[in-house]
Amino acid sequence: MKNANIAVGLLSATVFCLTFSAAATAADVNKLIEPCTACHGKDGNTTEADVPNIAGYSVEYFASAFKKYNKQERPCVETEVRSGSGKGTKTDMCKSIKDLSEGDLNQIAEYFAGKTFVRTAQTTDPALVKKGKSIHEKKCENCHSEAGSFPSDNAGMLGGQKMSYLKSQLKLFREGKRPMTKKMKPKLESLDDAEIEAVVHYYGSIQ
């Protein structure tokens, strides 16, 4: 009986420690994501037109993006904090993550990767959507499958993403301010302004 009591005591202590550890971990993650949610929303989805929904992006995509921001290979566009204690102050992605460890960034990536991407309802032009779909199928589908909605492509989420955000990023790609893969570069450079607009309308139409 004495041994049984000891075993029960040890089991209870173990359960308590695991519960405490889980609670502490959750608190740590909430603290880490707080600056992110101020612009991207608690679950990685926001109504801000110029801020992308990032819920459901793959961990690999986040890791690549963080690496590029830290090396300033991706432009750190200044923006205003949209909510929380820092609302109205200026920030950018490089400033937001520069003091975070690799472990911190991985926790952030796993948190948002575990959330569900919400497609934004937007007004689109049917003729442009049709044209954009054809362009996507010929030039983009191989890397951005399922209309740019497959997280495991490790290429972000295009289908249902904010059209204004997509336009701004495509502009950065075309101006050489955001790096492209060797496969993407010739395909994007072959598109004119009207074709770019059509592709954006196609992605914006995905629901």
N, C-alpha and C. Protein backbone atom coordinates (compact mmCIF):
# COMPACT_ATOMS: atom_id res chain seq x y z
N MET A 1 0.84 -1.21 0.00
CA MET A 1 0.00 0.00 0.00
C MET A 1 0.86 1.25 0.00
N LYS A 2 1.96 1.19 0.80
CA LYS A 2 2.85 2.34 0.87
C LYS A 2 3.44 2.64 -0.51
N ASN A 3 3.87 1.56 -1.21
CA ASN A 3 4.43 1.75 -2.54
C ASN A 3 3.39 2.30 -3.51
N ALA A 4 2.14 1.85 -3.34
CA ALA A 4 1.06 2.33 -4.20
C ALA A 4 0.83 3.81 -3.99
N ASN A 5 0.87 4.22 -2.71
CA ASN A 5 0.67 5.65 -2.40
C ASN A 5 1.79 6.50 -3.00
N ILE A 6 3.01 5.97 -2.92
CA ILE A 6 4.16 6.69 -3.50
C ILE A 6 3.98 6.83 -5.01
N ALA A 7 3.53 5.72 -5.64
CA ALA A 7 3.33 5.74 -7.09
C ALA A 7 2.27 6.75 -7.49
N VAL A 8 1.17 6.77 -6.73
CA VAL A 8 0.09 7.73 -7.01
C VAL A 8 0.59 9.15 -6.84
N GLY A 9 1.41 9.36 -5.80
CA GLY A 9 1.96 10.69 -5.54
C GLY A 9 2.87 11.14 -6.66
N LEU A 10 3.71 10.23 -7.13
CA LEU A 10 4.61 10.56 -8.23
C LEU A 10 3.85 10.86 -9.51
N LEU A 11 2.79 10.06 -9.76
CA LEU A 11 1.97 10.27 -10.95
C LEU A 11 1.28 11.62 -10.90
N SER A 12 0.74 11.96 -9.72
CA SER A 12 0.07 13.25 -9.56
C SER A 12 1.03 14.41 -9.79
N ALA A 13 2.25 14.26 -9.25
CA ALA A 13 3.27 15.30 -9.41
C ALA A 13 3.65 15.46 -10.88
N THR A 14 3.75 14.31 -11.57
CA THR A 14 4.10 14.35 -12.99
C THR A 14 3.02 15.06 -13.80
N VAL A 15 1.75 14.70 -13.52
CA VAL A 15 0.63 15.33 -14.22
C VAL A 15 0.61 16.82 -13.96
N PHE A 16 0.87 17.22 -12.70
CA PHE A 16 0.88 18.64 -12.34
C PHE A 16 1.98 19.37 -13.11
N CYS A 17 3.15 18.75 -13.16
CA CYS A 17 4.28 19.38 -13.86
C CYS A 17 4.00 19.54 -15.35
N LEU A 18 3.41 18.49 -15.94
CA LEU A 18 3.09 18.56 -17.36
C LEU A 18 2.04 19.63 -17.64
N THR A 19 1.03 19.71 -16.76
CA THR A 19 -0.02 20.72 -16.92
C THR A 19 0.56 22.11 -16.77
N PHE A 20 1.41 22.28 -15.77
CA PHE A 20 2.04 23.59 -15.53
C PHE A 20 2.92 23.98 -16.71
N SER A 21 3.66 22.98 -17.23
CA SER A 21 4.54 23.23 -18.36
C SER A 21 3.75 23.65 -19.59
N ALA A 22 2.62 22.96 -19.83
CA ALA A 22 1.78 23.28 -20.98
C ALA A 22 1.21 24.69 -20.86
N ALA A 23 0.79 25.03 -19.64
CA ALA A 23 0.23 26.37 -19.41
C ALA A 23 1.29 27.44 -19.61
N ALA A 24 2.51 27.15 -19.13
CA ALA A 24 3.61 28.10 -19.27
C ALA A 24 3.97 28.28 -20.74
N THR A 25 3.97 27.15 -21.48
CA THR A 25 4.28 27.22 -22.90
C THR A 25 3.24 28.05 -23.65
N ALA A 26 1.96 27.83 -23.31
CA ALA A 26 0.89 28.59 -23.95
C ALA A 26 1.04 30.08 -23.67
N ALA A 27 1.41 30.40 -22.43
CA ALA A 27 1.61 31.80 -22.05
C ALA A 27 2.77 32.40 -22.83
N ASP A 28 3.85 31.62 -22.99
CA ASP A 28 5.02 32.09 -23.74
C ASP A 28 4.66 32.37 -25.20
N VAL A 29 3.89 31.46 -25.80
CA VAL A 29 3.50 31.63 -27.20
C VAL A 29 2.61 32.86 -27.35
N ASN A 30 1.68 33.03 -26.44
CA ASN A 30 0.80 34.20 -26.50
C ASN A 30 1.59 35.50 -26.43
N LYS A 31 2.63 35.49 -25.62
CA LYS A 31 3.48 36.68 -25.50
C LYS A 31 4.25 36.91 -26.80
N LEU A 32 4.73 35.82 -27.40
CA LEU A 32 5.51 35.93 -28.64
C LEU A 32 4.67 36.45 -29.80
N ILE A 33 3.42 35.98 -29.88
CA ILE A 33 2.60 36.34 -31.04
C ILE A 33 1.90 37.69 -30.87
N GLU A 34 1.96 38.26 -29.68
CA GLU A 34 1.25 39.52 -29.42
C GLU A 34 1.58 40.61 -30.44
N PRO A 35 2.88 40.85 -30.75
CA PRO A 35 3.18 41.88 -31.75
C PRO A 35 2.64 41.51 -33.14
N CYS A 36 2.57 40.21 -33.43
CA CYS A 36 2.08 39.75 -34.74
C CYS A 36 0.58 39.99 -34.87
N THR A 37 -0.14 39.65 -33.79
CA THR A 37 -1.59 39.76 -33.83
C THR A 37 -2.06 41.20 -33.88
N ALA A 38 -1.20 42.13 -33.48
CA ALA A 38 -1.57 43.55 -33.50
C ALA A 38 -1.86 44.03 -34.92
N CYS A 39 -1.30 43.32 -35.91
CA CYS A 39 -1.57 43.67 -37.31
C CYS A 39 -2.28 42.54 -38.06
N HIS A 40 -1.87 41.29 -37.79
CA HIS A 40 -2.39 40.15 -38.55
C HIS A 40 -3.61 39.50 -37.93
N GLY A 41 -4.01 39.94 -36.73
CA GLY A 41 -5.17 39.35 -36.08
C GLY A 41 -4.79 38.16 -35.22
N LYS A 42 -5.60 37.89 -34.21
CA LYS A 42 -5.32 36.84 -33.23
C LYS A 42 -5.12 35.47 -33.88
N ASP A 43 -5.94 35.19 -34.91
CA ASP A 43 -5.83 33.88 -35.57
C ASP A 43 -5.13 33.95 -36.91
N GLY A 44 -4.45 35.09 -37.16
CA GLY A 44 -3.72 35.23 -38.42
C GLY A 44 -4.57 35.72 -39.57
N ASN A 45 -5.80 36.14 -39.27
CA ASN A 45 -6.70 36.70 -40.28
C ASN A 45 -7.12 38.10 -39.85
N THR A 46 -7.05 39.05 -40.76
CA THR A 46 -7.36 40.43 -40.43
C THR A 46 -8.21 41.08 -41.53
N THR A 47 -8.92 42.12 -41.15
CA THR A 47 -9.73 42.86 -42.13
C THR A 47 -8.93 43.99 -42.78
N GLU A 48 -7.70 44.21 -42.32
CA GLU A 48 -6.87 45.28 -42.88
C GLU A 48 -6.51 44.95 -44.33
N ALA A 49 -6.86 45.84 -45.26
CA ALA A 49 -6.71 45.56 -46.69
C ALA A 49 -5.26 45.37 -47.13
N ASP A 50 -4.33 46.05 -46.47
CA ASP A 50 -2.93 45.98 -46.91
C ASP A 50 -2.11 44.98 -46.10
N VAL A 51 -2.76 44.27 -45.20
CA VAL A 51 -2.07 43.29 -44.36
C VAL A 51 -2.54 41.89 -44.76
N PRO A 52 -1.63 40.98 -45.07
CA PRO A 52 -2.05 39.65 -45.51
C PRO A 52 -2.60 38.79 -44.39
N ASN A 53 -3.54 37.92 -44.74
CA ASN A 53 -3.94 36.86 -43.83
C ASN A 53 -2.83 35.81 -43.88
N ILE A 54 -2.32 35.42 -42.73
CA ILE A 54 -1.18 34.50 -42.70
C ILE A 54 -1.52 33.16 -42.05
N ALA A 55 -2.75 32.99 -41.62
CA ALA A 55 -3.16 31.72 -41.03
C ALA A 55 -3.04 30.60 -42.06
N GLY A 56 -2.53 29.46 -41.62
CA GLY A 56 -2.46 28.30 -42.50
C GLY A 56 -1.25 28.23 -43.41
N TYR A 57 -0.40 29.28 -43.41
CA TYR A 57 0.85 29.18 -44.16
C TYR A 57 1.67 28.04 -43.56
N SER A 58 2.47 27.38 -44.36
CA SER A 58 3.29 26.29 -43.84
C SER A 58 4.42 26.82 -42.96
N VAL A 59 4.88 25.98 -42.04
CA VAL A 59 6.00 26.33 -41.18
C VAL A 59 7.23 26.64 -42.04
N GLU A 60 7.39 25.87 -43.10
CA GLU A 60 8.55 26.07 -43.99
C GLU A 60 8.50 27.44 -44.67
N TYR A 61 7.31 27.87 -45.06
CA TYR A 61 7.18 29.19 -45.68
C TYR A 61 7.54 30.28 -44.68
N PHE A 62 7.02 30.16 -43.46
CA PHE A 62 7.34 31.15 -42.43
C PHE A 62 8.85 31.21 -42.19
N ALA A 63 9.48 30.04 -42.08
CA ALA A 63 10.92 29.99 -41.82
C ALA A 63 11.70 30.71 -42.92
N SER A 64 11.31 30.47 -44.15
CA SER A 64 11.97 31.12 -45.29
C SER A 64 11.75 32.64 -45.26
N ALA A 65 10.52 33.05 -44.96
CA ALA A 65 10.21 34.49 -44.91
C ALA A 65 10.99 35.18 -43.80
N PHE A 66 11.01 34.54 -42.61
CA PHE A 66 11.74 35.14 -41.48
C PHE A 66 13.23 35.30 -41.82
N LYS A 67 13.78 34.28 -42.46
CA LYS A 67 15.20 34.32 -42.83
C LYS A 67 15.47 35.49 -43.78
N LYS A 68 14.59 35.67 -44.74
CA LYS A 68 14.77 36.75 -45.72
C LYS A 68 14.60 38.12 -45.08
N TYR A 69 13.66 38.23 -44.14
CA TYR A 69 13.50 39.52 -43.44
C TYR A 69 14.74 39.82 -42.60
N ASN A 70 15.25 38.82 -41.91
CA ASN A 70 16.43 39.04 -41.07
C ASN A 70 17.65 39.42 -41.89
N LYS A 71 17.73 38.93 -43.10
CA LYS A 71 18.84 39.27 -43.99
C LYS A 71 18.51 40.50 -44.85
N GLN A 72 17.30 41.03 -44.62
CA GLN A 72 16.79 42.17 -45.39
C GLN A 72 16.80 41.89 -46.89
N GLU A 73 16.51 40.65 -47.23
CA GLU A 73 16.36 40.26 -48.63
C GLU A 73 14.94 40.53 -49.11
N ARG A 74 14.03 40.63 -48.14
CA ARG A 74 12.67 41.07 -48.43
C ARG A 74 12.52 42.49 -47.92
N PRO A 75 11.84 43.37 -48.66
CA PRO A 75 11.70 44.76 -48.21
C PRO A 75 10.90 44.86 -46.92
N CYS A 76 11.40 45.67 -46.00
CA CYS A 76 10.73 45.86 -44.72
C CYS A 76 9.89 47.13 -44.82
N VAL A 77 8.70 46.98 -45.34
CA VAL A 77 7.81 48.11 -45.60
C VAL A 77 7.24 48.63 -44.28
N GLU A 78 7.44 49.91 -44.04
CA GLU A 78 6.94 50.50 -42.79
C GLU A 78 5.42 50.58 -42.79
N THR A 79 4.83 50.28 -41.65
CA THR A 79 3.38 50.34 -41.50
C THR A 79 3.04 50.76 -40.09
N GLU A 80 1.77 51.03 -39.84
CA GLU A 80 1.32 51.37 -38.50
C GLU A 80 0.80 50.13 -37.80
N VAL A 81 1.10 50.03 -36.50
CA VAL A 81 0.53 48.96 -35.68
C VAL A 81 -0.97 49.22 -35.60
N ARG A 82 -1.77 48.19 -35.85
CA ARG A 82 -3.21 48.39 -35.99
C ARG A 82 -4.01 48.26 -34.70
N SER A 83 -3.45 47.60 -33.69
CA SER A 83 -4.20 47.41 -32.44
C SER A 83 -3.24 47.18 -31.29
N GLY A 84 -3.78 47.10 -30.08
CA GLY A 84 -2.95 46.86 -28.91
C GLY A 84 -2.30 48.12 -28.37
N SER A 85 -1.39 47.92 -27.42
CA SER A 85 -0.75 49.05 -26.74
C SER A 85 0.08 49.93 -27.67
N GLY A 86 0.57 49.35 -28.76
CA GLY A 86 1.40 50.12 -29.68
C GLY A 86 0.64 50.71 -30.85
N LYS A 87 -0.67 50.67 -30.80
CA LYS A 87 -1.50 51.14 -31.92
C LYS A 87 -1.09 52.54 -32.38
N GLY A 88 -0.90 52.67 -33.69
CA GLY A 88 -0.55 53.96 -34.26
C GLY A 88 0.94 54.20 -34.42
N THR A 89 1.76 53.39 -33.75
CA THR A 89 3.21 53.55 -33.87
C THR A 89 3.70 52.88 -35.16
N LYS A 90 4.86 53.29 -35.63
CA LYS A 90 5.42 52.75 -36.86
C LYS A 90 6.26 51.50 -36.58
N THR A 91 6.16 50.54 -37.48
CA THR A 91 6.97 49.33 -37.37
C THR A 91 7.13 48.71 -38.76
N ASP A 92 7.90 47.64 -38.83
CA ASP A 92 8.00 46.85 -40.05
C ASP A 92 8.39 45.43 -39.66
N MET A 93 8.37 44.52 -40.61
CA MET A 93 8.64 43.12 -40.29
C MET A 93 10.05 42.90 -39.77
N CYS A 94 11.01 43.62 -40.29
CA CYS A 94 12.40 43.44 -39.84
C CYS A 94 12.55 43.83 -38.38
N LYS A 95 11.96 44.95 -38.00
CA LYS A 95 12.01 45.38 -36.60
C LYS A 95 11.28 44.40 -35.70
N SER A 96 10.17 43.87 -36.19
CA SER A 96 9.31 43.01 -35.38
C SER A 96 9.99 41.71 -34.97
N ILE A 97 10.88 41.19 -35.82
CA ILE A 97 11.46 39.88 -35.52
C ILE A 97 12.95 39.89 -35.23
N LYS A 98 13.60 41.04 -35.31
CA LYS A 98 15.07 41.08 -35.24
C LYS A 98 15.64 40.56 -33.92
N ASP A 99 14.90 40.68 -32.82
CA ASP A 99 15.43 40.25 -31.52
C ASP A 99 14.94 38.86 -31.11
N LEU A 100 14.25 38.17 -32.00
CA LEU A 100 13.70 36.86 -31.68
C LEU A 100 14.67 35.75 -32.05
N SER A 101 14.71 34.72 -31.22
CA SER A 101 15.59 33.58 -31.48
C SER A 101 14.95 32.67 -32.52
N GLU A 102 15.73 31.72 -33.01
CA GLU A 102 15.20 30.76 -33.98
C GLU A 102 14.06 29.96 -33.36
N GLY A 103 14.22 29.63 -32.07
CA GLY A 103 13.16 28.90 -31.37
C GLY A 103 11.89 29.72 -31.26
N ASP A 104 12.04 31.01 -30.98
CA ASP A 104 10.88 31.90 -30.90
C ASP A 104 10.15 31.95 -32.24
N LEU A 105 10.91 32.11 -33.30
CA LEU A 105 10.33 32.21 -34.63
C LEU A 105 9.63 30.91 -35.03
N ASN A 106 10.20 29.79 -34.60
CA ASN A 106 9.58 28.51 -34.90
C ASN A 106 8.25 28.36 -34.18
N GLN A 107 8.18 28.83 -32.93
CA GLN A 107 6.92 28.78 -32.19
C GLN A 107 5.86 29.64 -32.86
N ILE A 108 6.26 30.81 -33.32
CA ILE A 108 5.33 31.70 -34.02
C ILE A 108 4.82 31.03 -35.30
N ALA A 109 5.75 30.42 -36.04
CA ALA A 109 5.40 29.74 -37.28
C ALA A 109 4.41 28.61 -37.03
N GLU A 110 4.67 27.80 -36.02
CA GLU A 110 3.80 26.68 -35.72
C GLU A 110 2.42 27.16 -35.26
N TYR A 111 2.39 28.26 -34.52
CA TYR A 111 1.11 28.79 -34.05
C TYR A 111 0.23 29.18 -35.24
N PHE A 112 0.76 30.01 -36.13
CA PHE A 112 -0.07 30.49 -37.24
C PHE A 112 -0.31 29.41 -38.28
N ALA A 113 0.63 28.48 -38.44
CA ALA A 113 0.43 27.37 -39.37
C ALA A 113 -0.74 26.50 -38.92
N GLY A 114 -0.99 26.47 -37.62
CA GLY A 114 -2.08 25.67 -37.08
C GLY A 114 -3.44 26.33 -37.16
N LYS A 115 -3.50 27.55 -37.64
CA LYS A 115 -4.77 28.26 -37.77
C LYS A 115 -5.34 28.08 -39.18
N THR A 116 -6.62 28.39 -39.32
CA THR A 116 -7.30 28.22 -40.60
C THR A 116 -7.31 29.51 -41.41
N PHE A 117 -6.83 29.43 -42.63
CA PHE A 117 -6.82 30.59 -43.52
C PHE A 117 -8.24 30.97 -43.90
N VAL A 118 -8.57 32.24 -43.73
CA VAL A 118 -9.90 32.75 -44.10
C VAL A 118 -9.78 33.56 -45.38
N ARG A 119 -10.48 33.13 -46.41
CA ARG A 119 -10.46 33.85 -47.68
C ARG A 119 -11.27 35.14 -47.56
N THR A 120 -10.76 36.19 -48.13
CA THR A 120 -11.41 37.50 -48.06
C THR A 120 -12.39 37.67 -49.21
N ALA A 121 -13.63 38.01 -48.88
CA ALA A 121 -14.65 38.27 -49.90
C ALA A 121 -14.34 39.61 -50.57
N GLN A 122 -14.21 39.60 -51.89
CA GLN A 122 -13.80 40.81 -52.62
C GLN A 122 -14.58 40.96 -53.92
N THR A 123 -14.68 42.17 -54.41
CA THR A 123 -15.35 42.44 -55.67
C THR A 123 -14.38 42.22 -56.82
N THR A 124 -14.75 41.36 -57.75
CA THR A 124 -13.88 41.04 -58.88
C THR A 124 -14.64 41.17 -60.20
N ASP A 125 -13.88 41.30 -61.27
CA ASP A 125 -14.45 41.41 -62.61
C ASP A 125 -14.46 40.03 -63.26
N PRO A 126 -15.64 39.49 -63.60
CA PRO A 126 -15.73 38.14 -64.16
C PRO A 126 -14.83 37.90 -65.38
N ALA A 127 -14.74 38.90 -66.25
CA ALA A 127 -13.90 38.75 -67.45
C ALA A 127 -12.43 38.64 -67.07
N LEU A 128 -12.01 39.45 -66.09
CA LEU A 128 -10.62 39.39 -65.63
C LEU A 128 -10.35 38.08 -64.90
N VAL A 129 -11.33 37.62 -64.14
CA VAL A 129 -11.18 36.35 -63.42
C VAL A 129 -10.95 35.21 -64.41
N LYS A 130 -11.73 35.19 -65.47
CA LYS A 130 -11.59 34.14 -66.50
C LYS A 130 -10.21 34.20 -67.15
N LYS A 131 -9.79 35.40 -67.49
CA LYS A 131 -8.47 35.59 -68.10
C LYS A 131 -7.37 35.21 -67.12
N GLY A 132 -7.51 35.62 -65.87
CA GLY A 132 -6.51 35.33 -64.85
C GLY A 132 -6.39 33.85 -64.56
N LYS A 133 -7.51 33.15 -64.59
CA LYS A 133 -7.49 31.70 -64.36
C LYS A 133 -6.67 31.00 -65.43
N SER A 134 -6.86 31.42 -66.68
CA SER A 134 -6.11 30.83 -67.79
C SER A 134 -4.61 31.07 -67.63
N ILE A 135 -4.25 32.28 -67.23
CA ILE A 135 -2.83 32.62 -67.01
C ILE A 135 -2.26 31.79 -65.86
N HIS A 136 -3.03 31.69 -64.78
CA HIS A 136 -2.57 30.91 -63.62
C HIS A 136 -2.30 29.46 -64.01
N GLU A 137 -3.24 28.87 -64.74
CA GLU A 137 -3.10 27.46 -65.11
C GLU A 137 -1.88 27.21 -66.00
N LYS A 138 -1.53 28.19 -66.82
CA LYS A 138 -0.39 28.04 -67.72
C LYS A 138 0.95 28.34 -67.05
N LYS A 139 0.96 29.32 -66.16
CA LYS A 139 2.24 29.82 -65.65
C LYS A 139 2.47 29.63 -64.15
N CYS A 140 1.41 29.44 -63.37
CA CYS A 140 1.56 29.48 -61.91
C CYS A 140 1.20 28.19 -61.18
N GLU A 141 0.30 27.39 -61.78
CA GLU A 141 -0.29 26.25 -61.08
C GLU A 141 0.75 25.24 -60.60
N ASN A 142 1.83 25.05 -61.33
CA ASN A 142 2.82 24.05 -60.93
C ASN A 142 3.40 24.30 -59.55
N CYS A 143 3.57 25.56 -59.20
CA CYS A 143 4.15 25.90 -57.89
C CYS A 143 3.10 26.40 -56.90
N HIS A 144 2.00 26.95 -57.42
CA HIS A 144 0.91 27.46 -56.58
C HIS A 144 -0.34 26.65 -56.89
N SER A 145 -0.34 25.38 -56.49
CA SER A 145 -1.41 24.47 -56.86
C SER A 145 -2.72 24.78 -56.14
N GLU A 146 -3.78 24.18 -56.68
CA GLU A 146 -5.13 24.39 -56.15
C GLU A 146 -5.47 25.88 -56.07
N ALA A 147 -5.20 26.57 -57.16
CA ALA A 147 -5.46 28.02 -57.26
C ALA A 147 -4.72 28.80 -56.19
N GLY A 148 -3.51 28.35 -55.89
CA GLY A 148 -2.69 29.05 -54.90
C GLY A 148 -3.20 28.88 -53.49
N SER A 149 -3.84 27.74 -53.21
CA SER A 149 -4.46 27.53 -51.90
C SER A 149 -3.96 26.29 -51.18
N PHE A 150 -2.81 25.76 -51.59
CA PHE A 150 -2.30 24.52 -50.99
C PHE A 150 -1.07 24.83 -50.14
N PRO A 151 -1.21 24.82 -48.80
CA PRO A 151 -0.12 25.21 -47.91
C PRO A 151 1.18 24.44 -48.12
N SER A 152 1.06 23.15 -48.47
CA SER A 152 2.26 22.32 -48.60
C SER A 152 3.13 22.70 -49.79
N ASP A 153 2.65 23.60 -50.63
CA ASP A 153 3.52 24.12 -51.70
C ASP A 153 4.61 25.01 -51.11
N ASN A 154 4.44 25.40 -49.86
CA ASN A 154 5.40 26.31 -49.18
C ASN A 154 5.58 27.61 -49.96
N ALA A 155 4.46 28.08 -50.52
CA ALA A 155 4.52 29.29 -51.35
C ALA A 155 3.46 30.31 -50.92
N GLY A 156 3.08 30.26 -49.66
CA GLY A 156 2.07 31.19 -49.18
C GLY A 156 0.68 30.80 -49.63
N MET A 157 -0.29 31.67 -49.40
CA MET A 157 -1.68 31.43 -49.78
C MET A 157 -2.13 32.59 -50.67
N LEU A 158 -2.40 32.28 -51.93
CA LEU A 158 -2.80 33.30 -52.89
C LEU A 158 -4.30 33.36 -53.10
N GLY A 159 -4.94 32.20 -53.16
CA GLY A 159 -6.38 32.14 -53.38
C GLY A 159 -7.15 32.73 -52.21
N GLY A 160 -7.89 33.81 -52.47
CA GLY A 160 -8.64 34.45 -51.40
C GLY A 160 -7.85 35.45 -50.59
N GLN A 161 -6.60 35.68 -50.99
CA GLN A 161 -5.77 36.67 -50.30
C GLN A 161 -6.22 38.08 -50.70
N LYS A 162 -5.86 39.07 -49.89
CA LYS A 162 -6.24 40.46 -50.18
C LYS A 162 -5.66 40.90 -51.54
N MET A 163 -6.51 41.39 -52.40
CA MET A 163 -6.06 41.80 -53.73
C MET A 163 -5.08 42.97 -53.65
N SER A 164 -5.33 43.89 -52.75
CA SER A 164 -4.42 45.04 -52.62
C SER A 164 -3.04 44.60 -52.16
N TYR A 165 -3.00 43.59 -51.29
CA TYR A 165 -1.72 43.06 -50.83
C TYR A 165 -1.00 42.34 -51.98
N LEU A 166 -1.75 41.52 -52.71
CA LEU A 166 -1.15 40.81 -53.84
C LEU A 166 -0.55 41.79 -54.85
N LYS A 167 -1.27 42.87 -55.14
CA LYS A 167 -0.77 43.87 -56.08
C LYS A 167 0.53 44.50 -55.59
N SER A 168 0.57 44.80 -54.29
CA SER A 168 1.76 45.45 -53.74
C SER A 168 2.97 44.52 -53.80
N GLN A 169 2.75 43.22 -53.55
CA GLN A 169 3.86 42.27 -53.58
C GLN A 169 4.33 41.98 -55.01
N LEU A 170 3.39 41.89 -55.93
CA LEU A 170 3.77 41.69 -57.33
C LEU A 170 4.56 42.88 -57.86
N LYS A 171 4.19 44.05 -57.39
CA LYS A 171 4.93 45.26 -57.77
C LYS A 171 6.37 45.19 -57.27
N LEU A 172 6.54 44.72 -56.02
CA LEU A 172 7.89 44.58 -55.45
C LEU A 172 8.70 43.55 -56.23
N PHE A 173 8.06 42.44 -56.61
CA PHE A 173 8.74 41.42 -57.41
C PHE A 173 9.22 42.02 -58.73
N ARG A 174 8.32 42.73 -59.40
CA ARG A 174 8.62 43.26 -60.73
C ARG A 174 9.69 44.35 -60.68
N GLU A 175 9.75 45.06 -59.57
CA GLU A 175 10.75 46.12 -59.42
C GLU A 175 12.09 45.58 -58.92
N GLY A 176 12.15 44.27 -58.67
CA GLY A 176 13.38 43.66 -58.20
C GLY A 176 13.66 43.90 -56.73
N LYS A 177 12.65 44.34 -55.99
CA LYS A 177 12.84 44.63 -54.57
C LYS A 177 12.53 43.43 -53.68
N ARG A 178 11.88 42.42 -54.26
CA ARG A 178 11.63 41.18 -53.53
C ARG A 178 12.14 40.04 -54.39
N PRO A 179 12.96 39.16 -53.83
CA PRO A 179 13.57 38.09 -54.63
C PRO A 179 12.56 37.07 -55.14
N MET A 180 12.83 36.56 -56.34
CA MET A 180 12.00 35.52 -56.94
C MET A 180 12.83 34.27 -57.17
N THR A 181 12.16 33.14 -57.25
CA THR A 181 12.85 31.91 -57.61
C THR A 181 13.18 31.95 -59.11
N LYS A 182 14.11 31.10 -59.52
CA LYS A 182 14.50 31.05 -60.93
C LYS A 182 13.32 30.65 -61.82
N LYS A 183 12.41 29.83 -61.28
CA LYS A 183 11.25 29.40 -62.05
C LYS A 183 10.24 30.53 -62.21
N MET A 184 10.09 31.31 -61.15
CA MET A 184 9.07 32.36 -61.15
C MET A 184 9.46 33.57 -62.00
N LYS A 185 10.72 33.91 -61.96
CA LYS A 185 11.19 35.16 -62.59
C LYS A 185 10.79 35.30 -64.06
N PRO A 186 11.12 34.34 -64.93
CA PRO A 186 10.76 34.53 -66.35
C PRO A 186 9.26 34.52 -66.59
N LYS A 187 8.53 33.79 -65.78
CA LYS A 187 7.08 33.72 -65.95
C LYS A 187 6.43 35.05 -65.58
N LEU A 188 6.84 35.61 -64.45
CA LEU A 188 6.26 36.89 -64.03
C LEU A 188 6.67 38.01 -64.97
N GLU A 189 7.92 37.98 -65.41
CA GLU A 189 8.42 39.03 -66.30
C GLU A 189 7.75 38.99 -67.68
N SER A 190 7.14 37.86 -68.01
CA SER A 190 6.47 37.74 -69.31
C SER A 190 5.06 38.35 -69.29
N LEU A 191 4.57 38.72 -68.11
CA LEU A 191 3.22 39.26 -67.98
C LEU A 191 3.22 40.78 -68.04
N ASP A 192 2.24 41.34 -68.75
CA ASP A 192 2.11 42.79 -68.78
C ASP A 192 1.16 43.24 -67.66
N ASP A 193 0.94 44.53 -67.54
CA ASP A 193 0.13 45.07 -66.45
C ASP A 193 -1.30 44.50 -66.46
N ALA A 194 -1.88 44.38 -67.64
CA ALA A 194 -3.25 43.88 -67.76
C ALA A 194 -3.34 42.42 -67.32
N GLU A 195 -2.32 41.65 -67.64
CA GLU A 195 -2.30 40.24 -67.24
C GLU A 195 -2.10 40.10 -65.74
N ILE A 196 -1.27 40.94 -65.17
CA ILE A 196 -1.08 40.95 -63.72
C ILE A 196 -2.41 41.25 -63.03
N GLU A 197 -3.12 42.25 -63.53
CA GLU A 197 -4.42 42.63 -62.97
C GLU A 197 -5.39 41.45 -63.04
N ALA A 198 -5.37 40.74 -64.14
CA ALA A 198 -6.26 39.59 -64.32
C ALA A 198 -5.95 38.49 -63.32
N VAL A 199 -4.68 38.20 -63.13
CA VAL A 199 -4.28 37.16 -62.17
C VAL A 199 -4.71 37.54 -60.76
N VAL A 200 -4.54 38.80 -60.40
CA VAL A 200 -4.95 39.28 -59.08
C VAL A 200 -6.46 39.11 -58.89
N HIS A 201 -7.24 39.43 -59.92
CA HIS A 201 -8.69 39.25 -59.83
C HIS A 201 -9.05 37.77 -59.70
N TYR A 202 -8.31 36.92 -60.38
CA TYR A 202 -8.57 35.48 -60.25
C TYR A 202 -8.35 35.01 -58.81
N TYR A 203 -7.21 35.35 -58.24
CA TYR A 203 -6.94 34.93 -56.87
C TYR A 203 -7.95 35.55 -55.90
N GLY A 204 -8.32 36.80 -56.16
CA GLY A 204 -9.28 37.46 -55.30
C GLY A 204 -10.67 36.85 -55.36
N SER A 205 -10.96 36.13 -56.44
CA SER A 205 -12.28 35.52 -56.61
C SER A 205 -12.43 34.19 -55.88
N ILE A 206 -11.32 33.60 -55.47
CA ILE A 206 -11.35 32.28 -54.85
C ILE A 206 -12.01 32.36 -53.47
N GLN A 207 -13.04 31.55 -53.27
CA GLN A 207 -13.74 31.51 -51.99
C GLN A 207 -13.88 30.07 -51.50
